[in-house]
Amino acid sequence: MRRDHLWLLLAAAGLVALIWFQMALLGDTFWCLAAGDRFWATHTLPTQDPFTFTAAARPWILHMPLFQIGGAWTMRHLGPVALLWAGTLVYAGAQLVVWLSFARTTLARILTYPLVLFAVQVQAADICVRGQVLGDLAFAVLLVLLFRAGRGARVPLVAPVLLGVLWANSHPSFLLGLVFPVAVGTARLLDPPPEPADTERGASWLAHVRMSALFAIGTLLNPYSFALLVDVVKLAGNATTANVDLFRSPPFHDPWWAALLVVTVVLVGARALAGGRRVRSELAILVALFAATCQSRRYGALLTAYEIALAGRLLGDPMAESFVRRFRLLAPAAVGGGIAAVACLVLALHDTKRPFRDVPVAAAQAVEDQDLPGHVIDLYHWGGYLDWAWQGRRKIAYDGRNQLFDDGTFDDMSRLASVAPGWPSVLEMYEADVVLWESGAPLDRALAGLPGWREVHRDPLAVVYRRIP
């Protein structure tokens, strides 16, 4: 086997190891598993929320049935470690598709490898087993299709249709597949047309619109057809979505996010200096993705994917290769990448996975063991686990499906979390009997001094209070 192939295998193993180290089971994982469990128990998709007492009468459309049903089967039959591995391999697949598709030469792959590892680290806090990993993989494939269309290569008509089917059944981010091709095609109208084909820009734009239309046809092949699209659009515009941590501005005081700002500026400069016919459109897309990331850190994954693609193409240019070889940068970069890959492998090998480390296992079991009443006020990011642990036997206030709680429930629970003035009235309004919350949080300290409530369980992670009858 050639040395470059050995290096590539080591690099890919290091990438998988880093993702495995970061992969977790969080709240969104568990309510998705609970929805999948409901399907396997009834062999029908739920139409109303069976897990909460605040949204029980509201219609519920599963936004990622493929992930929910498949994830629940994996958890049931193979266990949580297998589910973590599944999430790791899918997310690694998303990174590998972009990296290997756009960095086509050994030199480009070696030089862009640090950027691939960096992309994972930027998203470290959000990497968990959920439909988003499938959405990131689908976006990676979409990028490949768009760059093929941009350079005039033939894209099979069935490709965007199949991508639409899989993406729409996996994660609500499939809306990107509807708008991003048109946005890219529009951006390419900024580029000067080649001589003498003055009509190529219009033809390229139409090719992107056609791709979006074919993708849209695929998205309708889901259990809810057009109703899913309508519900996901409502979710995107829902006021509660903007309050979810993932959709807030990134913490640029964090070193990794600050580094992303630097990387973006450097890449903008490098792309501008490289020139070429598509420089305007590619810079416009890069700047637009960065602006979107500044509004919501969720788009950071899209930005880093595009940056990997752009860097891979730039470093595959003969002029870049000549520059690297002239200054003998390839060997140090290869050694550095190999060391980074080995470090990731060592990190992963020394990581003892505890799939339930971030959820209140003991507190949930204490509520069951003490047979406490069924209306439980819970922490937002623990609601999904309580859905899964109790399977609807006890009803909670809310969880990660924020579109079901836009009638004021989300705001009321936020008021409790911050112990805003008048917060005890929220407990009375919801006729809550039990509060399961984070140990040491403001609400924990406030309930400790509130007459009529008694602590019945405490562990390092969570505390449970019960209303005194």
Protein backbone atom coordinates (compact mmCIF):
# COMPACT_ATOMS: atom_id res chain seq x y z
CA MET A 1 0.00 0.00 0.00
CA ARG A 2 1.30 3.44 -0.89
CA ARG A 3 2.36 5.86 1.83
CA ASP A 4 -0.29 8.41 0.88
CA HIS A 5 -2.97 5.73 1.23
CA LEU A 6 -1.66 4.79 4.67
CA TRP A 7 -1.68 8.45 5.69
CA LEU A 8 -5.25 8.81 4.44
CA LEU A 9 -6.40 5.79 6.45
CA LEU A 10 -4.72 7.16 9.57
CA ALA A 11 -6.28 10.57 9.01
CA ALA A 12 -9.77 9.10 8.51
CA ALA A 13 -9.37 6.99 11.68
CA GLY A 14 -8.30 10.08 13.60
CA LEU A 15 -11.36 11.99 12.37
CA VAL A 16 -13.69 9.18 13.43
CA ALA A 17 -11.95 9.00 16.80
CA LEU A 18 -12.37 12.74 17.44
CA ILE A 19 -16.07 12.57 16.55
CA TRP A 20 -16.52 9.50 18.77
CA PHE A 21 -14.93 11.41 21.65
CA GLN A 22 -17.43 14.28 21.20
CA MET A 23 -20.54 12.23 20.38
CA ALA A 24 -23.22 12.16 23.11
CA LEU A 25 -26.84 11.30 23.78
CA LEU A 26 -28.69 14.50 24.66
CA GLY A 27 -32.29 15.58 25.14
CA ASP A 28 -33.23 15.69 21.46
CA THR A 29 -31.90 12.16 21.06
CA PHE A 30 -34.24 10.78 23.66
CA TRP A 31 -37.54 12.35 22.63
CA CYS A 32 -36.81 11.10 19.12
CA LEU A 33 -36.25 7.61 20.55
CA ALA A 34 -39.50 7.92 22.52
CA ALA A 35 -41.35 8.79 19.30
CA GLY A 36 -39.76 5.79 17.58
CA ASP A 37 -40.70 3.53 20.49
CA ARG A 38 -44.29 4.71 20.12
CA PHE A 39 -44.21 3.65 16.48
CA TRP A 40 -42.81 0.20 17.26
CA ALA A 41 -45.43 -0.28 19.99
CA THR A 42 -48.40 0.72 17.82
CA HIS A 43 -47.02 0.40 14.24
CA THR A 44 -48.57 3.80 13.50
CA LEU A 45 -47.15 7.30 13.61
CA PRO A 46 -48.44 9.34 16.57
CA THR A 47 -50.80 12.15 15.66
CA GLN A 48 -51.00 13.84 19.08
CA ASP A 49 -48.40 14.39 21.76
CA PRO A 50 -48.49 11.52 24.29
CA PHE A 51 -45.70 12.81 26.56
CA THR A 52 -46.67 16.23 27.95
CA PHE A 53 -49.64 17.64 29.82
CA THR A 54 -49.23 21.05 28.18
CA ALA A 55 -49.52 19.98 24.52
CA ALA A 56 -51.55 16.76 24.79
CA ALA A 57 -54.38 18.13 22.65
CA ARG A 58 -52.15 19.57 19.93
CA PRO A 59 -51.47 17.73 16.65
CA TRP A 60 -47.94 16.42 16.30
CA ILE A 61 -46.10 15.77 13.04
CA LEU A 62 -42.84 13.80 13.25
CA HIS A 63 -40.18 15.90 11.53
CA MET A 64 -37.63 13.09 11.19
CA PRO A 65 -39.45 9.74 11.09
CA LEU A 66 -36.60 7.85 9.45
CA PHE A 67 -34.18 8.79 12.22
CA GLN A 68 -36.74 8.31 15.00
CA ILE A 69 -37.86 4.86 13.89
CA GLY A 70 -34.36 3.68 12.98
CA GLY A 71 -32.81 5.14 16.12
CA ALA A 72 -35.40 3.49 18.37
CA TRP A 73 -34.78 0.12 16.71
CA THR A 74 -31.02 0.50 17.17
CA MET A 75 -31.43 1.44 20.82
CA ARG A 76 -33.80 -1.47 21.49
CA HIS A 77 -31.82 -4.18 19.77
CA LEU A 78 -28.20 -3.02 19.88
CA GLY A 79 -28.04 -0.63 22.83
CA PRO A 80 -26.82 2.93 23.45
CA VAL A 81 -23.18 2.32 22.47
CA ALA A 82 -24.26 1.11 19.04
CA LEU A 83 -26.43 4.21 18.70
CA LEU A 84 -23.43 6.38 19.55
CA TRP A 85 -21.36 4.55 16.92
CA ALA A 86 -24.10 5.04 14.34
CA GLY A 87 -24.15 8.78 15.00
CA THR A 88 -20.35 8.91 14.88
CA LEU A 89 -20.10 7.15 11.52
CA VAL A 90 -22.84 9.25 9.91
CA TYR A 91 -21.28 12.50 11.09
CA ALA A 92 -17.83 11.31 10.01
CA GLY A 93 -19.34 10.43 6.65
CA ALA A 94 -20.52 14.03 6.25
CA GLN A 95 -17.00 15.35 6.87
CA LEU A 96 -15.37 12.74 4.62
CA VAL A 97 -17.74 13.40 1.71
CA VAL A 98 -16.81 17.08 1.65
CA TRP A 99 -13.12 16.57 2.35
CA LEU A 100 -12.44 13.79 -0.16
CA SER A 101 -14.76 15.12 -2.86
CA PHE A 102 -13.15 18.56 -3.05
CA ALA A 103 -9.57 17.88 -1.97
CA ARG A 104 -8.77 15.53 -4.83
CA THR A 105 -4.98 15.48 -4.63
CA THR A 106 -2.79 14.11 -1.87
CA LEU A 107 -1.36 17.57 -1.25
CA ALA A 108 -4.81 19.16 -0.93
CA ARG A 109 -5.99 16.43 1.43
CA ILE A 110 -2.99 16.79 3.70
CA LEU A 111 -3.24 20.57 3.87
CA THR A 112 -7.02 20.65 4.46
CA TYR A 113 -7.01 17.89 7.10
CA PRO A 114 -6.47 20.34 10.01
CA LEU A 115 -9.50 22.29 8.78
CA VAL A 116 -11.60 19.10 8.87
CA LEU A 117 -10.60 18.41 12.49
CA PHE A 118 -11.18 22.07 13.31
CA ALA A 119 -14.72 21.89 11.88
CA VAL A 120 -15.51 19.08 14.32
CA GLN A 121 -14.12 20.98 17.30
CA VAL A 122 -16.11 24.11 16.52
CA GLN A 123 -19.31 22.04 16.68
CA ALA A 124 -18.21 19.96 19.68
CA ALA A 125 -20.91 21.23 22.05
CA ASP A 126 -23.67 20.30 19.59
CA ILE A 127 -22.47 16.90 18.39
CA CYS A 128 -24.94 14.28 19.50
CA VAL A 129 -27.01 11.44 18.06
CA ARG A 130 -29.95 13.16 16.40
CA GLY A 131 -31.38 13.79 12.98
CA GLN A 132 -29.01 16.70 12.52
CA VAL A 133 -26.10 14.34 11.74
CA LEU A 134 -28.14 12.96 8.84
CA GLY A 135 -28.96 16.52 7.80
CA ASP A 136 -25.25 17.40 7.78
CA LEU A 137 -24.51 14.36 5.60
CA ALA A 138 -27.29 15.36 3.21
CA PHE A 139 -25.89 18.92 3.00
CA ALA A 140 -22.46 17.49 2.16
CA VAL A 141 -23.97 15.53 -0.73
CA LEU A 142 -25.87 18.63 -1.85
CA LEU A 143 -22.60 20.59 -1.99
CA VAL A 144 -21.09 17.93 -4.25
CA LEU A 145 -24.10 18.07 -6.58
CA LEU A 146 -24.03 21.88 -6.70
CA PHE A 147 -20.34 22.07 -7.55
CA ARG A 148 -20.87 19.47 -10.29
CA ALA A 149 -23.70 21.55 -11.72
CA GLY A 150 -21.60 24.71 -11.41
CA ARG A 151 -18.81 23.37 -13.56
CA GLY A 152 -21.25 22.09 -16.16
CA ALA A 153 -21.00 18.38 -15.28
CA ARG A 154 -24.12 16.27 -15.66
CA VAL A 155 -26.12 15.62 -12.49
CA PRO A 156 -28.48 12.61 -12.80
CA LEU A 157 -32.09 13.74 -12.45
CA VAL A 158 -32.77 11.05 -9.88
CA ALA A 159 -29.99 12.29 -7.53
CA PRO A 160 -31.77 15.40 -6.12
CA VAL A 161 -35.05 13.46 -5.90
CA LEU A 162 -33.48 10.68 -3.82
CA LEU A 163 -31.66 13.25 -1.70
CA GLY A 164 -34.97 15.01 -1.07
CA VAL A 165 -36.66 11.77 0.01
CA LEU A 166 -33.92 10.82 2.48
CA TRP A 167 -33.37 14.32 3.85
CA ALA A 168 -37.05 15.16 4.37
CA ASN A 169 -37.51 11.96 6.37
CA SER A 170 -34.38 12.55 8.44
CA HIS A 171 -34.24 16.17 9.62
CA PRO A 172 -36.11 19.50 9.23
CA SER A 173 -33.00 21.10 7.73
CA PHE A 174 -34.20 19.72 4.39
CA LEU A 175 -35.49 23.26 3.78
CA LEU A 176 -31.88 24.05 2.84
CA GLY A 177 -32.20 21.72 -0.13
CA LEU A 178 -35.08 23.84 -1.41
CA VAL A 179 -33.45 27.26 -1.09
CA PHE A 180 -29.68 26.71 -1.23
CA PRO A 181 -29.47 25.58 -4.90
CA VAL A 182 -31.44 28.64 -6.00
CA ALA A 183 -29.26 30.87 -3.80
CA VAL A 184 -26.08 29.39 -5.31
CA GLY A 185 -27.44 29.71 -8.84
CA THR A 186 -28.37 33.35 -8.17
CA ALA A 187 -24.92 34.07 -6.73
CA ARG A 188 -23.33 32.69 -9.89
CA LEU A 189 -25.12 35.36 -11.92
CA LEU A 190 -22.52 37.70 -10.37
CA ASP A 191 -19.76 35.94 -12.31
CA PRO A 192 -18.80 37.12 -15.80
CA PRO A 193 -19.94 34.77 -18.56
CA PRO A 194 -17.29 32.93 -20.57
CA GLU A 195 -16.74 33.92 -24.12
CA PRO A 196 -18.63 33.53 -26.34
CA ALA A 197 -21.47 31.70 -24.52
CA ASP A 198 -23.22 34.74 -23.07
CA THR A 199 -26.27 32.68 -22.18
CA GLU A 200 -24.40 30.24 -19.91
CA ARG A 201 -25.19 32.19 -16.74
CA GLY A 202 -28.91 31.92 -17.37
CA ALA A 203 -28.61 28.25 -18.24
CA SER A 204 -26.65 27.62 -15.04
CA TRP A 205 -29.27 29.43 -12.99
CA LEU A 206 -32.02 27.32 -14.57
CA ALA A 207 -30.02 24.15 -13.79
CA HIS A 208 -29.93 25.11 -10.12
CA VAL A 209 -33.65 25.91 -10.10
CA ARG A 210 -34.34 22.54 -11.73
CA MET A 211 -32.28 20.82 -9.04
CA SER A 212 -34.29 22.57 -6.35
CA ALA A 213 -37.56 21.58 -8.04
CA LEU A 214 -36.52 17.92 -8.31
CA PHE A 215 -35.44 18.00 -4.68
CA ALA A 216 -38.86 19.43 -3.74
CA ILE A 217 -40.56 16.50 -5.47
CA GLY A 218 -38.51 14.12 -3.36
CA THR A 219 -39.37 15.91 -0.12
CA LEU A 220 -43.07 15.22 -0.68
CA LEU A 221 -42.40 11.48 -0.41
CA ASN A 222 -42.82 11.39 3.35
CA PRO A 223 -45.64 10.12 5.61
CA TYR A 224 -47.26 13.58 5.74
CA SER A 225 -46.60 14.83 2.20
CA PHE A 226 -47.05 18.62 1.88
CA ALA A 227 -48.16 18.97 5.52
CA LEU A 228 -44.60 18.22 6.68
CA LEU A 229 -43.20 21.09 4.62
CA VAL A 230 -45.81 23.48 6.03
CA ASP A 231 -45.09 22.39 9.60
CA VAL A 232 -41.32 22.71 9.20
CA VAL A 233 -41.68 26.20 7.69
CA LYS A 234 -43.80 27.17 10.69
CA LEU A 235 -41.14 25.77 12.99
CA ALA A 236 -38.42 27.80 11.25
CA GLY A 237 -40.41 30.98 11.78
CA ASN A 238 -41.63 30.13 15.26
CA ALA A 239 -40.64 32.65 17.92
CA THR A 240 -39.60 29.85 20.28
CA THR A 241 -37.00 28.58 17.78
CA ALA A 242 -34.97 31.77 18.18
CA ASN A 243 -34.82 31.10 21.94
CA VAL A 244 -33.32 27.63 21.54
CA ASP A 245 -29.62 27.75 22.36
CA LEU A 246 -28.57 26.15 19.06
CA PHE A 247 -30.19 29.00 17.11
CA ARG A 248 -28.57 31.83 19.05
CA SER A 249 -25.44 33.72 18.05
CA PRO A 250 -22.23 31.74 18.59
CA PRO A 251 -19.94 32.59 21.50
CA PHE A 252 -17.12 34.33 19.65
CA HIS A 253 -15.30 34.76 22.96
CA ASP A 254 -14.75 30.99 22.83
CA PRO A 255 -11.32 30.23 21.31
CA TRP A 256 -12.70 27.82 18.71
CA TRP A 257 -15.35 30.25 17.49
CA ALA A 258 -12.85 33.10 17.51
CA ALA A 259 -10.58 30.91 15.38
CA LEU A 260 -13.46 30.31 12.95
CA LEU A 261 -13.66 34.06 12.42
CA VAL A 262 -9.93 34.13 11.61
CA VAL A 263 -10.18 31.11 9.29
CA THR A 264 -13.07 32.73 7.41
CA VAL A 265 -11.19 36.00 6.94
CA VAL A 266 -8.09 34.15 5.72
CA LEU A 267 -10.12 32.05 3.30
CA VAL A 268 -11.93 35.11 1.95
CA GLY A 269 -8.54 36.72 1.27
CA ALA A 270 -7.11 33.56 -0.29
CA ARG A 271 -10.13 33.11 -2.56
CA ALA A 272 -10.00 36.74 -3.64
CA LEU A 273 -6.27 36.50 -4.45
CA ALA A 274 -6.73 33.25 -6.37
CA GLY A 275 -9.14 34.98 -8.75
CA GLY A 276 -10.90 33.03 -11.46
CA ARG A 277 -14.28 33.33 -13.12
CA ARG A 278 -16.29 32.17 -10.09
CA VAL A 279 -14.56 34.30 -7.48
CA ARG A 280 -17.51 36.69 -7.00
CA SER A 281 -20.12 33.99 -6.48
CA GLU A 282 -17.99 31.88 -4.18
CA LEU A 283 -17.06 34.87 -2.05
CA ALA A 284 -20.73 35.91 -1.90
CA ILE A 285 -21.78 32.44 -0.71
CA LEU A 286 -18.96 32.31 1.84
CA VAL A 287 -19.82 35.72 3.27
CA ALA A 288 -23.55 34.88 3.33
CA LEU A 289 -22.91 31.66 5.25
CA PHE A 290 -20.71 33.50 7.72
CA ALA A 291 -23.41 36.15 8.23
CA ALA A 292 -25.95 33.38 8.85
CA THR A 293 -23.57 31.77 11.36
CA CYS A 294 -23.28 35.07 13.23
CA GLN A 295 -27.06 34.94 13.69
CA SER A 296 -27.27 31.25 14.58
CA ARG A 297 -24.46 28.87 15.44
CA ARG A 298 -26.42 26.04 13.78
CA TYR A 299 -25.17 27.40 10.45
CA GLY A 300 -21.57 26.99 11.60
CA ALA A 301 -21.67 23.39 10.37
CA LEU A 302 -22.71 24.60 6.90
CA LEU A 303 -20.05 27.32 6.90
CA THR A 304 -17.22 24.94 7.81
CA ALA A 305 -18.40 22.40 5.22
CA TYR A 306 -18.30 25.08 2.52
CA GLU A 307 -14.90 26.27 3.73
CA ILE A 308 -13.49 22.73 3.52
CA ALA A 309 -14.84 22.45 -0.03
CA LEU A 310 -13.41 25.81 -1.05
CA ALA A 311 -10.02 25.19 0.58
CA GLY A 312 -9.77 21.77 -1.03
CA ARG A 313 -10.33 23.20 -4.48
CA LEU A 314 -7.92 26.10 -3.93
CA LEU A 315 -5.14 23.84 -2.66
CA GLY A 316 -5.66 21.46 -5.56
CA ASP A 317 -4.70 24.22 -7.98
CA PRO A 318 -1.32 23.66 -9.74
CA MET A 319 -0.06 27.07 -8.58
CA ALA A 320 -0.77 26.22 -4.95
CA GLU A 321 0.92 22.85 -5.38
CA SER A 322 3.97 24.54 -6.88
CA PHE A 323 4.15 26.98 -3.97
CA VAL A 324 3.90 24.22 -1.36
CA ARG A 325 6.57 22.09 -3.03
CA ARG A 326 8.87 25.05 -3.52
CA PHE A 327 8.92 25.81 0.19
CA ARG A 328 8.86 22.11 1.17
CA LEU A 329 5.70 22.41 3.25
CA LEU A 330 4.20 19.04 2.35
CA ALA A 331 6.30 16.80 4.61
CA PRO A 332 5.81 18.91 7.77
CA ALA A 333 2.08 19.14 7.05
CA ALA A 334 1.84 15.36 6.59
CA VAL A 335 3.74 14.71 9.82
CA GLY A 336 1.62 17.25 11.69
CA GLY A 337 -1.59 15.73 10.37
CA GLY A 338 -0.41 12.26 11.34
CA ILE A 339 0.43 13.40 14.85
CA ALA A 340 -2.99 15.05 15.16
CA ALA A 341 -4.69 11.84 13.99
CA VAL A 342 -2.75 9.73 16.51
CA ALA A 343 -3.62 12.22 19.27
CA CYS A 344 -7.32 11.87 18.39
CA LEU A 345 -7.04 8.08 18.51
CA VAL A 346 -5.36 8.19 21.94
CA LEU A 347 -8.01 10.62 23.17
CA ALA A 348 -10.82 8.33 22.01
CA LEU A 349 -9.22 5.17 23.41
CA HIS A 350 -8.99 6.75 26.85
CA ASP A 351 -12.61 7.94 26.77
CA THR A 352 -14.95 5.79 28.84
CA LYS A 353 -18.33 6.32 27.24
CA ARG A 354 -21.17 6.90 29.68
CA PRO A 355 -24.20 7.32 27.40
CA PHE A 356 -26.47 8.59 30.18
CA ARG A 357 -24.01 10.94 31.86
CA ASP A 358 -25.89 14.13 30.87
CA VAL A 359 -29.44 13.09 31.79
CA PRO A 360 -31.17 12.71 35.20
CA VAL A 361 -31.34 8.92 35.39
CA ALA A 362 -31.42 8.71 39.20
CA ALA A 363 -33.97 11.52 39.58
CA ALA A 364 -36.32 10.00 36.99
CA GLN A 365 -36.09 6.65 38.74
CA ALA A 366 -36.75 8.28 42.12
CA VAL A 367 -39.99 9.77 40.77
CA GLU A 368 -41.04 6.28 39.65
CA ASP A 369 -39.96 4.54 42.85
CA GLN A 370 -41.84 7.03 45.06
CA ASP A 371 -44.87 6.92 42.76
CA LEU A 372 -45.02 10.70 42.63
CA PRO A 373 -47.90 12.48 40.86
CA GLY A 374 -47.83 12.69 37.11
CA HIS A 375 -47.59 16.41 36.23
CA VAL A 376 -43.86 17.19 36.32
CA ILE A 377 -42.23 20.55 35.67
CA ASP A 378 -38.94 19.74 34.00
CA LEU A 379 -35.81 21.30 32.56
CA TYR A 380 -36.01 21.90 28.79
CA HIS A 381 -32.97 19.84 27.78
CA TRP A 382 -34.00 16.95 30.05
CA GLY A 383 -37.56 16.72 28.78
CA GLY A 384 -36.59 14.36 25.97
CA TYR A 385 -34.99 11.91 28.37
CA LEU A 386 -38.08 11.95 30.61
CA ASP A 387 -40.23 11.25 27.54
CA TRP A 388 -38.12 8.18 26.85
CA ALA A 389 -37.70 7.02 30.46
CA TRP A 390 -41.38 7.33 31.37
CA GLN A 391 -42.93 6.61 27.94
CA GLY A 392 -45.89 8.86 28.79
CA ARG A 393 -46.66 7.19 32.14
CA ARG A 394 -45.92 10.55 33.71
CA LYS A 395 -46.51 13.78 31.85
CA ILE A 396 -43.94 16.55 31.68
CA ALA A 397 -44.23 20.25 30.87
CA TYR A 398 -42.07 20.53 27.77
CA ASP A 399 -39.14 19.15 25.80
CA GLY A 400 -37.14 19.87 22.64
CA ARG A 401 -40.17 19.97 20.32
CA ASN A 402 -40.51 23.70 20.84
CA GLN A 403 -43.14 24.10 18.09
CA LEU A 404 -45.64 22.38 20.41
CA PHE A 405 -45.12 24.91 23.19
CA ASP A 406 -45.50 28.25 21.42
CA ASP A 407 -48.77 28.97 23.20
CA GLY A 408 -46.89 30.51 26.12
CA THR A 409 -45.60 27.33 27.73
CA PHE A 410 -42.05 27.93 26.51
CA ASP A 411 -42.07 31.46 27.95
CA ASP A 412 -43.59 30.31 31.23
CA MET A 413 -40.89 27.67 31.71
CA SER A 414 -38.21 30.24 30.89
CA ARG A 415 -39.71 32.46 33.55
CA LEU A 416 -39.39 29.62 36.05
CA ALA A 417 -35.80 28.95 35.04
CA SER A 418 -34.79 32.56 35.66
CA VAL A 419 -36.95 32.82 38.82
CA ALA A 420 -38.50 35.97 37.39
CA PRO A 421 -40.88 37.97 39.60
CA GLY A 422 -44.13 36.09 40.15
CA TRP A 423 -42.60 32.71 39.26
CA PRO A 424 -44.61 30.77 41.92
CA SER A 425 -47.80 31.68 40.01
CA VAL A 426 -46.52 29.59 37.09
CA LEU A 427 -46.47 26.49 39.31
CA GLU A 428 -50.02 27.24 40.40
CA MET A 429 -51.24 27.91 36.86
CA TYR A 430 -49.93 24.56 35.62
CA GLU A 431 -51.14 22.74 38.75
CA ALA A 432 -47.69 21.20 39.04
CA ASP A 433 -47.18 18.51 41.68
CA VAL A 434 -43.51 17.72 41.01
CA VAL A 435 -40.49 19.74 39.87
CA LEU A 436 -37.45 17.92 38.48
CA TRP A 437 -34.68 20.44 37.98
CA GLU A 438 -30.93 20.97 37.95
CA SER A 439 -29.19 20.84 41.32
CA GLY A 440 -27.92 24.25 42.41
CA ALA A 441 -29.88 26.17 39.78
CA PRO A 442 -31.77 29.35 40.81
CA LEU A 443 -35.09 27.48 40.82
CA ASP A 444 -33.63 24.83 43.12
CA ARG A 445 -32.60 27.46 45.65
CA ALA A 446 -35.93 29.27 45.34
CA LEU A 447 -38.02 26.11 45.89
CA ALA A 448 -35.97 25.24 48.98
CA GLY A 449 -37.46 28.31 50.69
CA LEU A 450 -40.97 28.14 49.21
CA PRO A 451 -43.69 26.96 51.65
CA GLY A 452 -45.70 24.00 50.46
CA TRP A 453 -42.83 22.23 48.68
CA ARG A 454 -40.52 19.52 49.95
CA GLU A 455 -37.30 18.07 48.54
CA VAL A 456 -37.66 14.31 47.98
CA HIS A 457 -34.51 13.52 45.98
CA ARG A 458 -31.13 15.08 45.30
CA ASP A 459 -28.05 13.89 43.45
CA PRO A 460 -25.10 15.80 41.93
CA LEU A 461 -27.03 16.38 38.72
CA ALA A 462 -30.70 16.80 39.58
CA VAL A 463 -33.12 17.55 42.39
CA VAL A 464 -36.79 16.64 42.79
CA TYR A 465 -39.35 18.66 44.76
CA ARG A 466 -42.89 17.58 45.57
CA ARG A 467 -45.84 19.72 46.52
CA ILE A 468 -46.88 18.93 50.10
CA PRO A 469 -50.46 17.56 49.98
